[in-house]
Amino acid sequence: MQKHNIEKLVEETINSFDGAKRAESNPFLLTRVFARLRDKEDVQNAWSKAGSFLSRPAVALTGLLLIILVNVAIIINNKDDNDTLQNLTSVKDEFAINVISIYDYENQEP
C-alpha cells in the first residue's frame, strides 16, 4: 500500500514539471550590468579618489579628533586672558543704542 502511494507521489512530482519553462530575464539586463561596471571604472578621477579616502571611518575620526584637540588647546590658552573679557565689554558699551519704542510718549503740545 505504501509503495503504491510513494510511486503515485513520485509520478505527481515528475508530472508537475511538465508545464515548467526556462526563466527569462530582461533582454537588456546584461547590457545594463556591463554599462554600470564601465561607468564605475571611468569615474575614478582625483575628486572621487579624495572623497573615497576621506569617507573612510579611520580618516574621518582622526580629523574630528584633531579639530576637537585644536579647539581645546585654544580654549586653554585663552582662559587666562581677562583682557579679552574687558575688551568685549567696552566694545559692547561703545555700540549700545537706546531703543525707542512706540510706548514712549512725547509731549505734542506747542
Protein backbone atom coordinates (compact mmCIF):
# COMPACT_ATOMS: atom_id res chain seq x y z
CA MET A 1 0.00 0.00 0.00
CA GLN A 2 2.76 2.46 0.92
CA LYS A 3 4.77 1.53 -2.15
CA HIS A 4 1.76 2.42 -4.29
CA ASN A 5 1.40 5.81 -2.51
CA ILE A 6 5.10 6.60 -2.90
CA GLU A 7 5.01 5.74 -6.60
CA LYS A 8 1.94 7.94 -7.02
CA LEU A 9 3.64 10.85 -5.23
CA VAL A 10 6.79 10.44 -7.34
CA GLU A 11 4.69 10.40 -10.51
CA GLU A 12 2.81 13.56 -9.44
CA THR A 13 6.08 15.29 -8.69
CA ILE A 14 7.55 14.41 -12.08
CA ASN A 15 4.35 15.49 -13.85
CA SER A 16 4.40 18.84 -12.06
CA PHE A 17 7.48 19.82 -14.11
CA ASP A 18 5.65 19.30 -17.43
CA GLY A 19 4.48 22.93 -17.74
CA ALA A 20 7.71 24.48 -16.45
CA LYS A 21 9.64 26.82 -18.74
CA ARG A 22 13.11 28.21 -18.53
CA ALA A 23 13.30 31.51 -16.65
CA GLU A 24 13.84 34.51 -18.91
CA SER A 25 15.44 37.79 -17.95
CA ASN A 26 15.13 41.24 -19.43
CA PRO A 27 16.94 41.21 -22.80
CA PHE A 28 18.91 44.37 -21.92
CA LEU A 29 19.92 43.27 -18.41
CA LEU A 30 23.42 42.18 -19.38
CA THR A 31 23.97 45.43 -21.30
CA ARG A 32 22.95 47.45 -18.25
CA VAL A 33 25.26 45.49 -15.95
CA PHE A 34 28.23 45.99 -18.27
CA ALA A 35 27.44 49.72 -18.64
CA ARG A 36 27.29 50.16 -14.85
CA LEU A 37 30.62 48.38 -14.40
CA ARG A 38 32.23 50.51 -17.11
CA ASP A 39 30.86 53.72 -15.53
CA LYS A 40 32.31 52.78 -12.15
CA GLU A 41 35.75 52.31 -13.69
CA ASP A 42 35.61 55.65 -15.54
CA VAL A 43 34.61 57.73 -12.52
CA GLN A 44 37.91 57.24 -10.66
CA ASN A 45 39.15 60.82 -11.04
CA ALA A 46 41.02 62.83 -8.40
CA TRP A 47 37.89 64.11 -6.63
CA SER A 48 36.29 60.68 -6.31
CA LYS A 49 39.57 59.22 -5.02
CA ALA A 50 39.85 62.04 -2.46
CA GLY A 51 36.23 61.57 -1.42
CA SER A 52 36.60 57.84 -1.02
CA PHE A 53 39.76 58.38 1.07
CA LEU A 54 38.15 60.99 3.33
CA SER A 55 35.00 58.92 3.82
CA ARG A 56 36.91 56.10 5.48
CA PRO A 57 35.94 55.90 9.16
CA ALA A 58 39.53 55.99 10.41
CA VAL A 59 40.34 59.17 8.46
CA ALA A 60 37.08 60.85 9.44
CA LEU A 61 37.51 60.09 13.15
CA THR A 62 41.13 61.22 13.10
CA GLY A 63 40.14 64.54 11.52
CA LEU A 64 37.33 65.03 14.02
CA LEU A 65 39.65 64.34 16.96
CA LEU A 66 42.23 66.73 15.54
CA ILE A 67 39.64 69.52 15.29
CA ILE A 68 38.49 68.88 18.86
CA LEU A 69 42.07 68.93 20.18
CA VAL A 70 42.82 72.23 18.42
CA ASN A 71 39.68 73.78 19.92
CA VAL A 72 40.58 72.56 23.42
CA ALA A 73 44.11 73.95 23.06
CA ILE A 74 42.76 77.35 22.00
CA ILE A 75 40.32 77.43 24.92
CA ILE A 76 43.03 76.51 27.43
CA ASN A 77 45.43 79.16 26.08
CA ASN A 78 42.81 81.91 26.16
CA LYS A 79 41.37 81.01 29.56
CA ASP A 80 43.90 83.13 31.46
CA ASP A 81 43.29 86.30 29.43
CA ASN A 82 41.00 88.61 31.40
CA ASP A 83 41.72 91.45 29.00
CA THR A 84 39.62 89.78 26.35
CA LEU A 85 36.52 89.96 28.52
CA GLN A 86 37.16 93.61 29.37
CA ASN A 87 37.72 94.47 25.71
CA LEU A 88 34.47 92.78 24.73
CA THR A 89 32.59 94.66 27.43
CA SER A 90 34.00 98.00 26.31
CA VAL A 91 33.12 97.28 22.68
CA LYS A 92 29.60 96.32 23.71
CA ASP A 93 29.21 99.55 25.68
CA GLU A 94 30.51 101.57 22.76
CA PHE A 95 27.86 100.30 20.39
CA ALA A 96 24.96 100.31 22.83
CA ILE A 97 21.87 102.00 21.43
CA ASN A 98 18.82 103.26 23.24
CA VAL A 99 15.80 101.66 21.66
CA ILE A 100 12.82 103.94 21.27
CA SER A 101 9.54 102.14 21.48
CA ILE A 102 6.09 103.23 20.41
CA TYR A 103 5.08 103.45 24.05
CA ASP A 104 7.41 106.38 24.76
CA TYR A 105 5.09 109.35 24.56
CA GLU A 106 6.29 112.81 23.68
CA ASN A 107 4.58 116.00 24.61
CA GLN A 108 2.82 117.06 21.45
CA GLU A 109 1.52 120.38 22.77
CA PRO A 110 3.05 123.56 21.29
